[in-house]
Amino acid sequence: MSFVLVYIVLQLKLSPLQVLINIIILLATIILMECFSWFIHKYLFHGPLWFMHKSHHVPSKSIFEWNDVFALIFAFASLYLMYIDRENIGYRFAIGAGISLYGLIYFVVHDWFVHQRIKAFKSKNGYLVSIRKAHKIHHKNRSKEKGKAFGLLYVKRSILTKNAID
């Protein structure tokens, strides 16, 4: 990551302040994406977009599901933001990169670790185990209503203690 930053600074002649601002924007975007993802998961995916998201709540024999279209939408949005700001590497590029990094984190944690869509790794790390438990609690309910634990990276301790799953 630091190599990329050095390259950007040297090639685009960005000031250290501009680089710092972009890093702050990128990190803030990752945090805001977790909040935004929680909101759209709860109110859109388990609301009017349930017809697509329900493919994620039922057993599937395919590696792809209709729910994966949402990942493509976010990927196109992030690529678009980075593309339109490729000359300046400004705030739009940083936002696009933040969305992309959140998407990568989401893919690794959600698809690889939680759902084991790609058998890659297991962990006994307490934080990762709590993410898996919270997601199991979310999937316990297979309907559109009465869901719990809509986030990915932030897990409320109260959800885990009230709904212990092992």
Protein backbone atom coordinates (compact mmCIF):
# COMPACT_ATOMS: atom_id res chain seq x y z
CA MET A 1 0.00 0.00 0.00
CA SER A 2 2.80 2.44 0.85
CA PHE A 3 4.44 1.70 -2.52
CA VAL A 4 1.24 2.77 -4.26
CA LEU A 5 1.13 6.01 -2.26
CA VAL A 6 4.76 6.82 -3.05
CA TYR A 7 4.10 6.11 -6.73
CA ILE A 8 1.04 8.40 -6.75
CA VAL A 9 2.93 11.20 -5.02
CA LEU A 10 5.86 10.95 -7.44
CA GLN A 11 3.81 10.58 -10.62
CA LEU A 12 1.11 13.13 -9.93
CA LYS A 13 3.15 15.44 -7.79
CA LEU A 14 0.54 15.39 -5.05
CA SER A 15 1.45 17.22 -1.91
CA PRO A 16 1.76 15.21 1.30
CA LEU A 17 -1.33 17.09 2.55
CA GLN A 18 -3.34 15.98 -0.50
CA VAL A 19 -2.23 12.38 0.07
CA LEU A 20 -3.21 12.60 3.75
CA ILE A 21 -6.62 14.05 2.88
CA ASN A 22 -7.19 11.26 0.35
CA ILE A 23 -6.24 8.62 2.93
CA ILE A 24 -8.65 10.15 5.44
CA ILE A 25 -11.42 10.23 2.81
CA LEU A 26 -10.68 6.62 1.86
CA LEU A 27 -10.83 5.43 5.50
CA ALA A 28 -13.97 7.49 6.20
CA THR A 29 -15.58 5.97 3.11
CA ILE A 30 -14.89 2.45 4.38
CA ILE A 31 -16.55 3.31 7.72
CA LEU A 32 -19.48 5.04 6.01
CA MET A 33 -19.91 2.06 3.67
CA GLU A 34 -20.47 -0.18 6.71
CA CYS A 35 -23.19 2.22 7.91
CA PHE A 36 -24.67 2.57 4.43
CA SER A 37 -24.57 -1.21 3.88
CA TRP A 38 -26.41 -1.78 7.16
CA PHE A 39 -29.08 0.73 6.15
CA ILE A 40 -29.66 -0.58 2.62
CA HIS A 41 -29.50 -4.20 3.83
CA LYS A 42 -32.19 -3.57 6.44
CA TYR A 43 -34.47 -1.18 4.58
CA LEU A 44 -33.96 -2.01 0.89
CA PHE A 45 -32.70 -5.60 0.68
CA HIS A 46 -35.23 -6.73 3.31
CA GLY A 47 -37.74 -4.33 1.81
CA PRO A 48 -38.51 -3.57 -1.84
CA LEU A 49 -35.39 -5.36 -3.15
CA TRP A 50 -36.16 -8.61 -1.31
CA PHE A 51 -37.04 -10.29 -4.62
CA MET A 52 -33.30 -10.25 -5.43
CA HIS A 53 -31.83 -10.49 -1.92
CA LYS A 54 -33.86 -13.55 -0.91
CA SER A 55 -31.54 -15.65 -3.11
CA HIS A 56 -28.96 -15.09 -0.37
CA HIS A 57 -31.26 -16.46 2.34
CA VAL A 58 -32.10 -19.78 0.71
CA PRO A 59 -29.75 -22.70 0.03
CA SER A 60 -28.13 -22.44 -3.38
CA LYS A 61 -26.39 -24.98 -5.59
CA SER A 62 -24.75 -22.28 -7.67
CA ILE A 63 -21.70 -20.19 -6.85
CA PHE A 64 -23.63 -17.11 -8.02
CA GLU A 65 -26.94 -15.78 -6.73
CA TRP A 66 -29.17 -12.85 -7.70
CA ASN A 67 -27.95 -11.05 -4.60
CA ASP A 68 -24.49 -10.76 -6.24
CA VAL A 69 -25.91 -8.11 -8.59
CA PHE A 70 -25.65 -5.65 -5.68
CA ALA A 71 -21.87 -6.21 -5.54
CA LEU A 72 -21.65 -5.43 -9.25
CA ILE A 73 -23.59 -2.19 -8.77
CA PHE A 74 -21.15 -1.04 -6.06
CA ALA A 75 -18.18 -2.16 -8.15
CA PHE A 76 -19.35 -0.11 -11.15
CA ALA A 77 -20.00 2.92 -8.91
CA SER A 78 -16.52 2.74 -7.40
CA LEU A 79 -14.83 2.22 -10.76
CA TYR A 80 -16.77 5.13 -12.23
CA LEU A 81 -15.67 7.46 -9.41
CA MET A 82 -12.04 6.41 -9.80
CA TYR A 83 -12.22 6.73 -13.59
CA ILE A 84 -13.65 10.25 -13.65
CA ASP A 85 -10.98 11.44 -11.20
CA ARG A 86 -8.03 9.45 -12.59
CA GLU A 87 -6.17 12.59 -13.64
CA ASN A 88 -6.32 14.37 -10.27
CA ILE A 89 -6.54 11.49 -7.79
CA GLY A 90 -8.81 13.71 -5.73
CA TYR A 91 -11.71 13.11 -3.38
CA ARG A 92 -13.83 11.20 -5.94
CA PHE A 93 -10.97 8.81 -6.60
CA ALA A 94 -10.50 8.35 -2.83
CA ILE A 95 -14.23 7.66 -2.36
CA GLY A 96 -14.18 5.14 -5.21
CA ALA A 97 -11.10 3.47 -3.77
CA GLY A 98 -12.78 3.34 -0.34
CA ILE A 99 -15.87 1.70 -1.82
CA SER A 100 -13.61 -0.80 -3.62
CA LEU A 101 -11.65 -1.59 -0.47
CA TYR A 102 -14.87 -2.05 1.51
CA GLY A 103 -16.07 -4.37 -1.26
CA LEU A 104 -12.87 -6.38 -1.01
CA ILE A 105 -13.18 -6.57 2.78
CA TYR A 106 -16.83 -7.56 2.41
CA PHE A 107 -15.97 -10.27 -0.12
CA VAL A 108 -13.21 -11.76 2.02
CA VAL A 109 -15.13 -11.62 5.31
CA HIS A 110 -18.64 -12.38 4.06
CA ASP A 111 -18.16 -14.71 1.11
CA TRP A 112 -14.89 -16.44 1.99
CA PHE A 113 -14.99 -16.53 5.77
CA VAL A 114 -18.66 -16.45 6.83
CA HIS A 115 -20.34 -18.34 3.98
CA GLN A 116 -17.29 -20.32 2.82
CA ARG A 117 -18.31 -19.77 -0.82
CA ILE A 118 -14.63 -20.23 -1.52
CA LYS A 119 -13.03 -22.62 0.96
CA ALA A 120 -10.08 -20.46 1.92
CA PHE A 121 -9.58 -20.02 5.63
CA LYS A 122 -11.00 -20.58 9.07
CA SER A 123 -10.23 -18.62 12.19
CA LYS A 124 -10.80 -18.80 15.91
CA ASN A 125 -10.20 -15.05 16.27
CA GLY A 126 -12.87 -13.74 18.66
CA TYR A 127 -13.86 -10.81 16.45
CA LEU A 128 -14.19 -12.95 13.31
CA VAL A 129 -16.11 -15.63 15.21
CA SER A 130 -18.54 -12.96 16.45
CA ILE A 131 -19.05 -11.78 12.86
CA ARG A 132 -19.84 -15.35 11.81
CA LYS A 133 -22.24 -15.82 14.75
CA ALA A 134 -24.04 -12.54 14.03
CA HIS A 135 -24.44 -13.53 10.40
CA LYS A 136 -25.82 -16.92 11.40
CA ILE A 137 -28.32 -15.09 13.59
CA HIS A 138 -29.25 -12.97 10.57
CA HIS A 139 -29.75 -16.05 8.39
CA LYS A 140 -31.70 -17.91 11.06
CA ASN A 141 -34.70 -15.93 9.88
CA ARG A 142 -35.27 -16.80 6.21
CA SER A 143 -38.03 -14.26 5.67
CA LYS A 144 -38.12 -10.63 4.70
CA GLU A 145 -39.36 -9.44 8.11
CA LYS A 146 -38.07 -9.68 11.68
CA GLY A 147 -34.40 -9.86 10.74
CA LYS A 148 -31.50 -9.09 13.06
CA ALA A 149 -27.81 -8.25 12.63
CA PHE A 150 -27.80 -6.43 9.28
CA GLY A 151 -24.21 -5.18 9.44
CA LEU A 152 -21.01 -6.99 8.61
CA LEU A 153 -18.02 -5.54 10.44
CA TYR A 154 -19.79 -4.06 13.46
CA VAL A 155 -21.42 -6.62 15.72
CA LYS A 156 -23.61 -5.59 18.64
CA ARG A 157 -22.69 -7.62 21.70
CA SER A 158 -26.36 -7.68 22.76
CA ILE A 159 -27.32 -9.58 19.61
CA LEU A 160 -24.75 -12.27 20.30
CA THR A 161 -25.67 -12.72 23.96
CA LYS A 162 -29.45 -12.77 23.38
CA ASN A 163 -29.21 -15.18 20.43
CA ALA A 164 -26.30 -17.45 21.29
CA ILE A 165 -25.51 -19.81 18.43
CA ASP A 166 -22.69 -22.34 18.50
